[in-house]
């Protein structure tokens, strides 16, 4: 049975969003209901998403979303640097504007208890959705996020994970949503975080990527990766790991507890405080990952007919 998924992404900054979208488009068990984009140049991010959809031969609704944080006076990702590849690929140019949150809302109401919302960027769109319609969390099958840093500091990455840091007030709203649906109220079934301390264990270097990214839907991803490699020598599969746990829960080991988001300290805004001993655990956090199992699973989906597509520039 297919899994209904809505993807909220900041594709166009780090390369892993594109790697994640290619996986979802190729996975025979994924029914991708729509894509919303977040962070600066949301339309160009939507155009990048449309490149992969066209190569995969799928018509997926795509909606540019929020470009700025809820309260912060600046945007960490004002540009989408990977969008330089758009001149070489066929892509959609026009999208419905200011409709992303409403699209998410309507789709979730259309399939109550069936939709998994996969959030792999700043949580601005998701926070707006939860604030506009507080019933939404209880209507989701699950919320799966690449977000946070929970059990171990990661050398060279600072105290906060990027997605949580970009819009800390939105991050706080999203984590608080699970707590509001405890007790007798209908509960969000899964409120899962795949954090930086786990995702940094699934890494490939340039040569490995070039050897294994052979499926047609991965060809434009390679083109985007060439932009990425101007500044980085490896690719970390942050977002694809979060997506893969939806289809194989044994890739990671999880624990339940509660997460609170730091807002009081300016230096630590967006820091995710993890409490595994909470009396009423409402959040699920990845503690360990089987990297070999992940990579075997990830590349296995590209051996299916759903992954064939066609490459047209």
Protein backbone atom coordinates (compact mmCIF):
# COMPACT_ATOMS: atom_id res chain seq x y z
CA UNK A 1 0.00 0.00 0.00
CA UNK A 2 1.37 3.42 -0.93
CA UNK A 3 2.16 6.10 1.64
CA UNK A 4 0.66 9.54 1.08
CA UNK A 5 3.34 12.20 1.58
CA UNK A 6 3.47 15.99 1.49
CA UNK A 7 7.00 17.37 1.16
CA UNK A 8 8.03 20.76 2.57
CA UNK A 9 11.54 21.58 1.37
CA UNK A 10 14.19 24.27 0.96
CA UNK A 11 15.58 22.57 -2.15
CA UNK A 12 18.24 24.70 -3.77
CA UNK A 13 20.54 25.29 -0.81
CA UNK A 14 22.08 22.01 0.40
CA UNK A 15 22.09 19.24 -2.24
CA UNK A 16 20.41 16.67 0.02
CA UNK A 17 16.89 18.05 -0.60
CA UNK A 18 17.19 17.17 -4.28
CA UNK A 19 18.54 13.72 -3.38
CA UNK A 20 15.53 13.27 -1.10
CA UNK A 21 13.00 14.37 -3.72
CA UNK A 22 14.52 12.04 -6.32
CA UNK A 23 14.09 9.17 -3.84
CA UNK A 24 10.43 10.02 -3.20
CA UNK A 25 9.70 10.28 -6.94
CA UNK A 26 11.34 6.92 -7.58
CA UNK A 27 9.90 5.03 -4.61
CA UNK A 28 7.07 2.75 -5.80
CA UNK A 29 5.41 2.97 -2.39
CA UNK A 30 5.33 6.77 -2.24
CA UNK A 31 2.25 8.72 -3.30
CA UNK A 32 3.65 12.25 -3.37
CA UNK A 33 0.61 14.50 -3.02
CA UNK A 34 2.43 17.80 -3.33
CA UNK A 35 5.52 19.89 -2.66
CA UNK A 36 5.83 23.23 -0.86
CA UNK A 37 9.01 25.27 -0.74
CA UNK A 38 10.39 27.45 2.04
CA UNK A 39 13.15 30.08 2.49
CA UNK A 40 14.38 32.81 0.16
CA UNK A 41 13.68 32.56 -3.56
CA UNK A 42 10.84 30.14 -2.93
CA UNK A 43 9.76 30.28 -6.60
CA UNK A 44 13.20 29.29 -7.85
CA UNK A 45 13.17 26.45 -5.35
CA UNK A 46 9.81 25.39 -6.78
CA UNK A 47 11.33 25.49 -10.26
CA UNK A 48 14.12 23.17 -9.13
CA UNK A 49 11.57 20.73 -7.72
CA UNK A 50 9.73 20.81 -11.04
CA UNK A 51 12.92 19.77 -12.86
CA UNK A 52 13.01 16.47 -11.00
CA UNK A 53 9.26 15.93 -11.37
CA UNK A 54 9.51 16.39 -15.14
CA UNK A 55 12.44 13.99 -15.45
CA UNK A 56 10.51 11.46 -13.36
CA UNK A 57 7.49 11.95 -15.63
CA UNK A 58 5.19 12.96 -12.76
CA UNK A 59 2.84 15.92 -12.42
CA UNK A 60 3.09 16.92 -8.77
CA UNK A 61 1.45 20.11 -7.40
CA UNK A 62 4.18 22.54 -6.32
CA UNK A 63 3.57 25.66 -4.24
CA UNK A 64 6.18 28.29 -3.24
CA UNK A 65 5.77 29.05 0.46
CA UNK A 66 7.17 31.38 3.11
CA UNK A 67 10.42 33.14 2.25
CA UNK A 68 11.08 34.80 5.63
CA UNK A 69 11.09 33.60 9.24
CA UNK A 70 8.11 34.38 11.48
CA UNK A 71 9.87 36.92 13.69
CA UNK A 72 13.56 37.13 12.86
CA UNK A 73 14.55 40.28 10.96
CA UNK A 74 16.64 38.41 8.40
CA UNK A 75 16.70 35.32 6.19
CA UNK A 76 19.54 32.83 6.60
CA UNK A 77 18.91 31.43 3.13
CA UNK A 78 18.02 34.44 1.03
CA UNK A 79 19.18 32.72 -2.16
CA UNK A 80 18.91 29.27 -3.74
CA UNK A 81 22.45 28.80 -5.13
CA UNK A 82 21.73 25.49 -6.88
CA UNK A 83 19.16 27.26 -9.06
CA UNK A 84 21.96 28.15 -11.49
CA UNK A 85 21.26 24.79 -13.17
CA UNK A 86 17.76 25.88 -14.23
CA UNK A 87 19.04 27.30 -17.52
CA UNK A 88 20.01 23.76 -18.54
CA UNK A 89 16.79 21.94 -17.59
CA UNK A 90 13.16 22.06 -18.62
CA UNK A 91 11.11 23.36 -15.70
CA UNK A 92 7.83 25.02 -14.82
CA UNK A 93 8.01 28.78 -14.54
CA UNK A 94 4.70 29.80 -12.99
CA UNK A 95 3.24 28.59 -9.72
CA UNK A 96 0.29 29.54 -7.49
CA UNK A 97 1.55 32.17 -5.06
CA UNK A 98 0.58 32.60 -1.38
CA UNK A 99 -1.34 29.32 -1.46
CA UNK A 100 1.18 26.86 0.00
CA UNK A 101 -0.20 26.68 3.54
CA UNK A 102 -3.79 26.47 2.33
CA UNK A 103 -2.82 23.69 -0.07
CA UNK A 104 -1.29 21.72 2.81
CA UNK A 105 -4.37 22.32 4.93
CA UNK A 106 -6.85 21.25 2.28
CA UNK A 107 -4.89 18.15 1.35
CA UNK A 108 -4.58 16.95 4.95
CA UNK A 109 -8.31 17.48 5.51
CA UNK A 110 -8.99 15.54 2.32
CA UNK A 111 -7.14 12.49 3.68
CA UNK A 112 -7.55 12.57 7.49
CA UNK A 113 -5.21 10.17 9.25
CA UNK A 114 -3.48 9.18 6.01
CA UNK A 115 -0.90 11.88 5.24
CA UNK A 116 2.70 12.00 6.44
CA UNK A 117 4.12 15.52 6.31
CA UNK A 118 7.85 15.37 5.60
CA UNK A 119 9.56 18.65 6.56
CA UNK A 120 13.20 19.02 5.49
CA UNK A 121 13.73 22.78 5.66
CA UNK A 122 12.96 25.65 7.99
CA UNK A 123 9.65 25.00 9.72
CA UNK A 124 7.96 28.29 8.80
CA UNK A 125 5.33 26.76 6.52
CA UNK A 126 4.52 24.02 9.02
CA UNK A 127 4.23 26.49 11.91
CA UNK A 128 1.88 28.69 9.88
CA UNK A 129 -0.18 25.62 9.02
CA UNK A 130 -0.47 24.50 12.65
CA UNK A 131 -1.30 28.05 13.79
CA UNK A 132 -3.93 28.58 11.10
CA UNK A 133 -5.64 25.26 11.79
CA UNK A 134 -4.84 23.76 15.23
CA UNK A 135 -6.72 20.60 14.26
CA UNK A 136 -4.14 19.69 11.62
CA UNK A 137 -1.66 17.84 13.90
CA UNK A 138 -4.38 15.41 14.97
CA UNK A 139 -5.33 14.82 11.33
CA UNK A 140 -1.84 13.81 10.24
CA UNK A 141 -0.69 10.23 10.10
CA UNK A 142 2.68 11.63 11.06
CA UNK A 143 5.13 14.51 10.96
CA UNK A 144 8.67 13.48 10.06
CA UNK A 145 11.39 16.14 10.17
CA UNK A 146 15.06 16.48 9.47
CA UNK A 147 15.51 18.80 12.41
CA UNK A 148 17.37 19.23 15.66
CA UNK A 149 20.44 18.04 17.50
CA UNK A 150 19.69 15.80 20.44
CA UNK A 151 22.23 13.40 21.94
CA UNK A 152 25.70 14.43 20.78
CA UNK A 153 27.33 17.64 19.63
CA UNK A 154 28.65 17.38 16.07
CA UNK A 155 32.11 18.80 15.52
CA UNK A 156 32.18 21.76 13.15
CA UNK A 157 28.40 22.27 13.09
CA UNK A 158 27.83 24.52 16.11
CA UNK A 159 25.30 23.98 18.91
CA UNK A 160 22.15 24.16 16.75
CA UNK A 161 20.94 22.28 13.70
CA UNK A 162 20.37 24.44 10.60
CA UNK A 163 16.67 23.83 9.99
CA UNK A 164 15.79 24.50 13.63
CA UNK A 165 18.04 27.57 13.69
CA UNK A 166 16.65 29.29 10.59
CA UNK A 167 13.28 30.02 12.20
CA UNK A 168 13.46 29.08 15.91
CA UNK A 169 10.01 30.48 16.72
CA UNK A 170 8.48 28.31 14.02
CA UNK A 171 10.47 25.35 15.34
CA UNK A 172 9.05 25.94 18.82
CA UNK A 173 5.48 26.10 17.50
CA UNK A 174 5.88 22.80 15.66
CA UNK A 175 7.28 20.93 18.66
CA UNK A 176 4.68 22.41 20.97
CA UNK A 177 1.93 21.13 18.67
CA UNK A 178 2.56 17.55 19.75
CA UNK A 179 2.29 18.51 23.42
CA UNK A 180 -1.04 20.26 22.81
CA UNK A 181 -2.52 17.04 21.48
CA UNK A 182 -1.85 14.91 24.53
CA UNK A 183 -4.39 13.71 27.05
CA UNK A 184 -7.93 13.11 25.82
CA UNK A 185 -7.53 15.08 22.61
CA UNK A 186 -6.81 13.25 19.33
CA UNK A 187 -3.08 12.70 19.06
CA UNK A 188 -0.62 13.15 16.25
CA UNK A 189 0.40 9.58 15.56
CA UNK A 190 4.09 10.25 14.91
CA UNK A 191 6.10 13.39 15.67
CA UNK A 192 9.54 12.24 14.55
CA UNK A 193 12.87 14.07 14.38
CA UNK A 194 15.95 12.83 12.57
CA UNK A 195 18.68 15.01 14.02
CA UNK A 196 22.10 16.18 12.95
CA UNK A 197 23.86 13.82 15.36
CA UNK A 198 22.46 10.89 13.34
CA UNK A 199 22.35 12.25 9.78
CA UNK A 200 26.06 13.12 9.80
CA UNK A 201 26.77 9.38 9.87
CA UNK A 202 25.48 8.87 6.30
CA UNK A 203 28.01 10.50 4.00
CA UNK A 204 29.39 9.88 0.49
CA UNK A 205 32.33 11.45 -1.28
CA UNK A 206 32.20 12.78 -4.84
CA UNK A 207 33.51 9.60 -6.46
CA UNK A 208 30.97 7.41 -4.69
CA UNK A 209 28.13 9.71 -5.73
CA UNK A 210 29.24 9.79 -9.37
CA UNK A 211 29.44 6.00 -9.46
CA UNK A 212 26.04 5.33 -7.89
CA UNK A 213 23.85 8.17 -9.16
CA UNK A 214 22.96 6.50 -12.46
CA UNK A 215 19.14 6.57 -12.57
CA UNK A 216 17.65 9.20 -14.94
CA UNK A 217 15.96 11.11 -12.10
CA UNK A 218 19.39 11.47 -10.45
CA UNK A 219 21.02 13.05 -13.53
CA UNK A 220 19.79 16.60 -12.72
CA UNK A 221 20.81 15.97 -9.12
CA UNK A 222 24.37 15.37 -10.33
CA UNK A 223 24.18 18.67 -12.20
CA UNK A 224 23.14 20.41 -8.96
CA UNK A 225 25.87 18.55 -7.09
CA UNK A 226 28.50 20.07 -9.39
CA UNK A 227 27.50 23.46 -7.97
CA UNK A 228 27.65 22.03 -4.43
CA UNK A 229 31.13 20.57 -5.00
CA UNK A 230 32.58 23.98 -5.68
CA UNK A 231 32.55 24.45 -1.89
CA UNK A 232 32.22 20.94 -0.44
CA UNK A 233 33.88 17.59 -1.13
CA UNK A 234 31.25 15.28 0.37
CA UNK A 235 27.48 14.93 0.51
CA UNK A 236 25.64 14.19 3.75
CA UNK A 237 22.28 12.47 3.26
CA UNK A 238 20.44 14.42 5.98
CA UNK A 239 17.04 14.67 4.30
CA UNK A 240 17.01 11.33 2.45
CA UNK A 241 17.59 9.60 5.79
CA UNK A 242 14.52 11.27 7.27
CA UNK A 243 12.47 10.20 4.24
CA UNK A 244 13.76 6.64 4.30
CA UNK A 245 12.58 6.10 7.89
CA UNK A 246 9.00 6.49 6.66
CA UNK A 247 9.38 3.35 4.57
CA UNK A 248 11.84 1.38 6.72
CA UNK A 249 11.60 2.20 10.43
CA UNK A 250 14.48 -0.18 11.20
CA UNK A 251 17.07 2.06 9.52
CA UNK A 252 17.22 4.10 12.74
CA UNK A 253 16.72 3.29 16.39
CA UNK A 254 14.25 5.66 18.01
CA UNK A 255 13.36 6.74 21.52
CA UNK A 256 10.39 8.69 22.84
CA UNK A 257 10.60 11.74 25.06
CA UNK A 258 9.97 15.45 24.78
CA UNK A 259 11.73 18.23 22.90
CA UNK A 260 11.73 21.87 23.96
CA UNK A 261 13.15 24.61 21.75
CA UNK A 262 15.37 27.34 23.18
CA UNK A 263 14.14 30.86 22.53
CA UNK A 264 15.34 32.83 25.55
CA UNK A 265 19.07 32.73 24.79
CA UNK A 266 19.96 34.67 21.65
CA UNK A 267 23.10 32.60 21.11
CA UNK A 268 21.21 29.32 21.42
CA UNK A 269 17.90 30.16 19.74
CA UNK A 270 16.74 27.02 18.00
CA UNK A 271 18.64 24.64 20.27
CA UNK A 272 16.58 21.48 20.83
CA UNK A 273 16.53 20.30 24.45
CA UNK A 274 15.88 16.55 24.49
CA UNK A 275 14.36 14.89 27.58
CA UNK A 276 14.19 11.08 27.24
CA UNK A 277 12.73 10.73 30.75
CA UNK A 278 9.61 12.81 30.24
CA UNK A 279 6.44 11.72 32.04
CA UNK A 280 4.31 12.21 28.93
CA UNK A 281 6.59 11.56 25.94
CA UNK A 282 5.16 12.98 22.72
CA UNK A 283 8.20 13.24 20.47
CA UNK A 284 10.20 10.52 18.75
CA UNK A 285 13.91 11.07 18.14
CA UNK A 286 16.42 9.00 16.16
CA UNK A 287 19.32 7.86 18.34
CA UNK A 288 21.28 5.59 15.98
CA UNK A 289 21.42 4.78 12.29
CA UNK A 290 22.43 1.67 10.37
CA UNK A 291 24.26 3.44 7.56
CA UNK A 292 24.72 0.33 5.42
CA UNK A 293 21.02 -0.50 5.64
CA UNK A 294 20.15 3.08 4.73
CA UNK A 295 22.28 3.19 1.59
CA UNK A 296 21.08 -0.25 0.48
CA UNK A 297 17.50 0.91 0.92
CA UNK A 298 18.01 4.30 -0.73
CA UNK A 299 19.55 2.96 -3.94
CA UNK A 300 17.21 -0.03 -4.15
CA UNK A 301 14.28 2.18 -5.15
CA UNK A 302 16.09 3.28 -8.31
CA UNK A 303 16.02 -0.28 -9.62
CA UNK A 304 12.24 -0.08 -10.07
CA UNK A 305 10.31 0.98 -13.15
CA UNK A 306 9.12 4.05 -11.23
CA UNK A 307 12.69 5.34 -11.31
CA UNK A 308 13.22 5.13 -15.06
CA UNK A 309 11.80 8.47 -16.22
CA UNK A 310 13.48 10.27 -19.10
CA UNK A 311 16.22 12.86 -19.23
CA UNK A 312 15.29 15.94 -21.24
CA UNK A 313 17.15 19.21 -20.90
